[in-house]
Amino acid sequence: MKPQLIIFGVLVAGYIVYNLFLQIPDERTNTVINILFASIIFAYIAFMAFSLLKKMKK
């Protein structure tokens, strides 16, 4: 479970760094990138929850 939390921390840190320092000047493209990044983070949360439930079942 620890490697999954490290990957999650890296994803969240990358999202924060992008929004603070690396934004694209075009607002529409920036919004699309933010939505995709957030979708990846939420999908990873779902994956972590699924794997935790799978481990608890055993």
C-alpha atoms as a PDB file:
ATOM      1  CA  MET A   1       0.000   0.000   0.000  1.00  0.00           C
ATOM      2  CA  LYS A   2       2.915   2.351   0.642  1.00  0.00           C
ATOM      3  CA  PRO A   3       4.057   2.577  -3.024  1.00  0.00           C
ATOM      4  CA  GLN A   4       0.501   3.455  -4.025  1.00  0.00           C
ATOM      5  CA  LEU A   5       0.429   6.305  -1.511  1.00  0.00           C
ATOM      6  CA  ILE A   6       3.756   7.591  -2.800  1.00  0.00           C
ATOM      7  CA  ILE A   7       2.439   7.599  -6.368  1.00  0.00           C
ATOM      8  CA  PHE A   8      -0.711   9.389  -5.175  1.00  0.00           C
ATOM      9  CA  GLY A   9       1.421  12.011  -3.410  1.00  0.00           C
ATOM     10  CA  VAL A  10       3.453  12.555  -6.571  1.00  0.00           C
ATOM     11  CA  LEU A  11       0.263  12.986  -8.628  1.00  0.00           C
ATOM     12  CA  VAL A  12      -1.154  15.533  -6.179  1.00  0.00           C
ATOM     13  CA  ALA A  13       2.177  17.390  -5.976  1.00  0.00           C
ATOM     14  CA  GLY A  14       2.358  17.462  -9.775  1.00  0.00           C
ATOM     15  CA  TYR A  15      -1.156  18.893  -9.945  1.00  0.00           C
ATOM     16  CA  ILE A  16      -0.295  21.618  -7.442  1.00  0.00           C
ATOM     17  CA  VAL A  17       2.990  22.482  -9.176  1.00  0.00           C
ATOM     18  CA  TYR A  18       1.228  22.683 -12.541  1.00  0.00           C
ATOM     19  CA  ASN A  19      -1.452  25.018 -11.215  1.00  0.00           C
ATOM     20  CA  LEU A  20       1.029  27.262  -9.421  1.00  0.00           C
ATOM     21  CA  PHE A  21       3.887  27.498 -11.921  1.00  0.00           C
ATOM     22  CA  LEU A  22       3.293  25.784 -15.268  1.00  0.00           C
ATOM     23  CA  GLN A  23      -0.094  27.019 -16.450  1.00  0.00           C
ATOM     24  CA  ILE A  24      -0.667  27.474 -20.163  1.00  0.00           C
ATOM     25  CA  PRO A  25      -1.786  31.001 -21.145  1.00  0.00           C
ATOM     26  CA  ASP A  26      -4.735  29.673 -23.175  1.00  0.00           C
ATOM     27  CA  GLU A  27      -7.597  29.369 -20.693  1.00  0.00           C
ATOM     28  CA  ARG A  28      -9.494  26.631 -22.557  1.00  0.00           C
ATOM     29  CA  THR A  29      -6.450  24.383 -22.914  1.00  0.00           C
ATOM     30  CA  ASN A  30      -5.527  24.995 -19.293  1.00  0.00           C
ATOM     31  CA  THR A  31      -9.032  23.967 -18.205  1.00  0.00           C
ATOM     32  CA  VAL A  32      -8.846  20.778 -20.276  1.00  0.00           C
ATOM     33  CA  ILE A  33      -5.477  19.879 -18.736  1.00  0.00           C
ATOM     34  CA  ASN A  34      -6.821  20.548 -15.218  1.00  0.00           C
ATOM     35  CA  ILE A  35      -9.865  18.348 -15.859  1.00  0.00           C
ATOM     36  CA  LEU A  36      -7.704  15.521 -17.244  1.00  0.00           C
ATOM     37  CA  PHE A  37      -5.253  15.762 -14.358  1.00  0.00           C
ATOM     38  CA  ALA A  38      -8.074  15.708 -11.779  1.00  0.00           C
ATOM     39  CA  SER A  39      -9.701  12.770 -13.567  1.00  0.00           C
ATOM     40  CA  ILE A  40      -6.451  10.799 -13.385  1.00  0.00           C
ATOM     41  CA  ILE A  41      -6.144  11.563  -9.670  1.00  0.00           C
ATOM     42  CA  PHE A  42      -9.728  10.478  -8.948  1.00  0.00           C
ATOM     43  CA  ALA A  43      -9.288   7.330 -11.039  1.00  0.00           C
ATOM     44  CA  TYR A  44      -6.183   6.500  -9.026  1.00  0.00           C
ATOM     45  CA  ILE A  45      -8.139   7.004  -5.791  1.00  0.00           C
ATOM     46  CA  ALA A  46     -10.721   4.537  -7.102  1.00  0.00           C
ATOM     47  CA  PHE A  47      -7.955   2.074  -7.992  1.00  0.00           C
ATOM     48  CA  MET A  48      -6.473   2.350  -4.497  1.00  0.00           C
ATOM     49  CA  ALA A  49      -9.883   1.777  -2.907  1.00  0.00           C
ATOM     50  CA  PHE A  50     -10.526  -1.237  -5.148  1.00  0.00           C
ATOM     51  CA  SER A  51      -7.160  -2.787  -4.342  1.00  0.00           C
ATOM     52  CA  LEU A  52      -7.707  -2.176  -0.609  1.00  0.00           C
ATOM     53  CA  LEU A  53     -11.104  -3.875  -0.748  1.00  0.00           C
ATOM     54  CA  LYS A  54      -9.586  -6.757  -2.670  1.00  0.00           C
ATOM     55  CA  LYS A  55      -6.898  -7.187   0.023  1.00  0.00           C
ATOM     56  CA  MET A  56      -9.504  -7.022   2.798  1.00  0.00           C
ATOM     57  CA  LYS A  57     -11.532  -9.760   1.119  1.00  0.00           C
ATOM     58  CA  LYS A  58      -8.637 -12.229   1.305  1.00  0.00           C
END
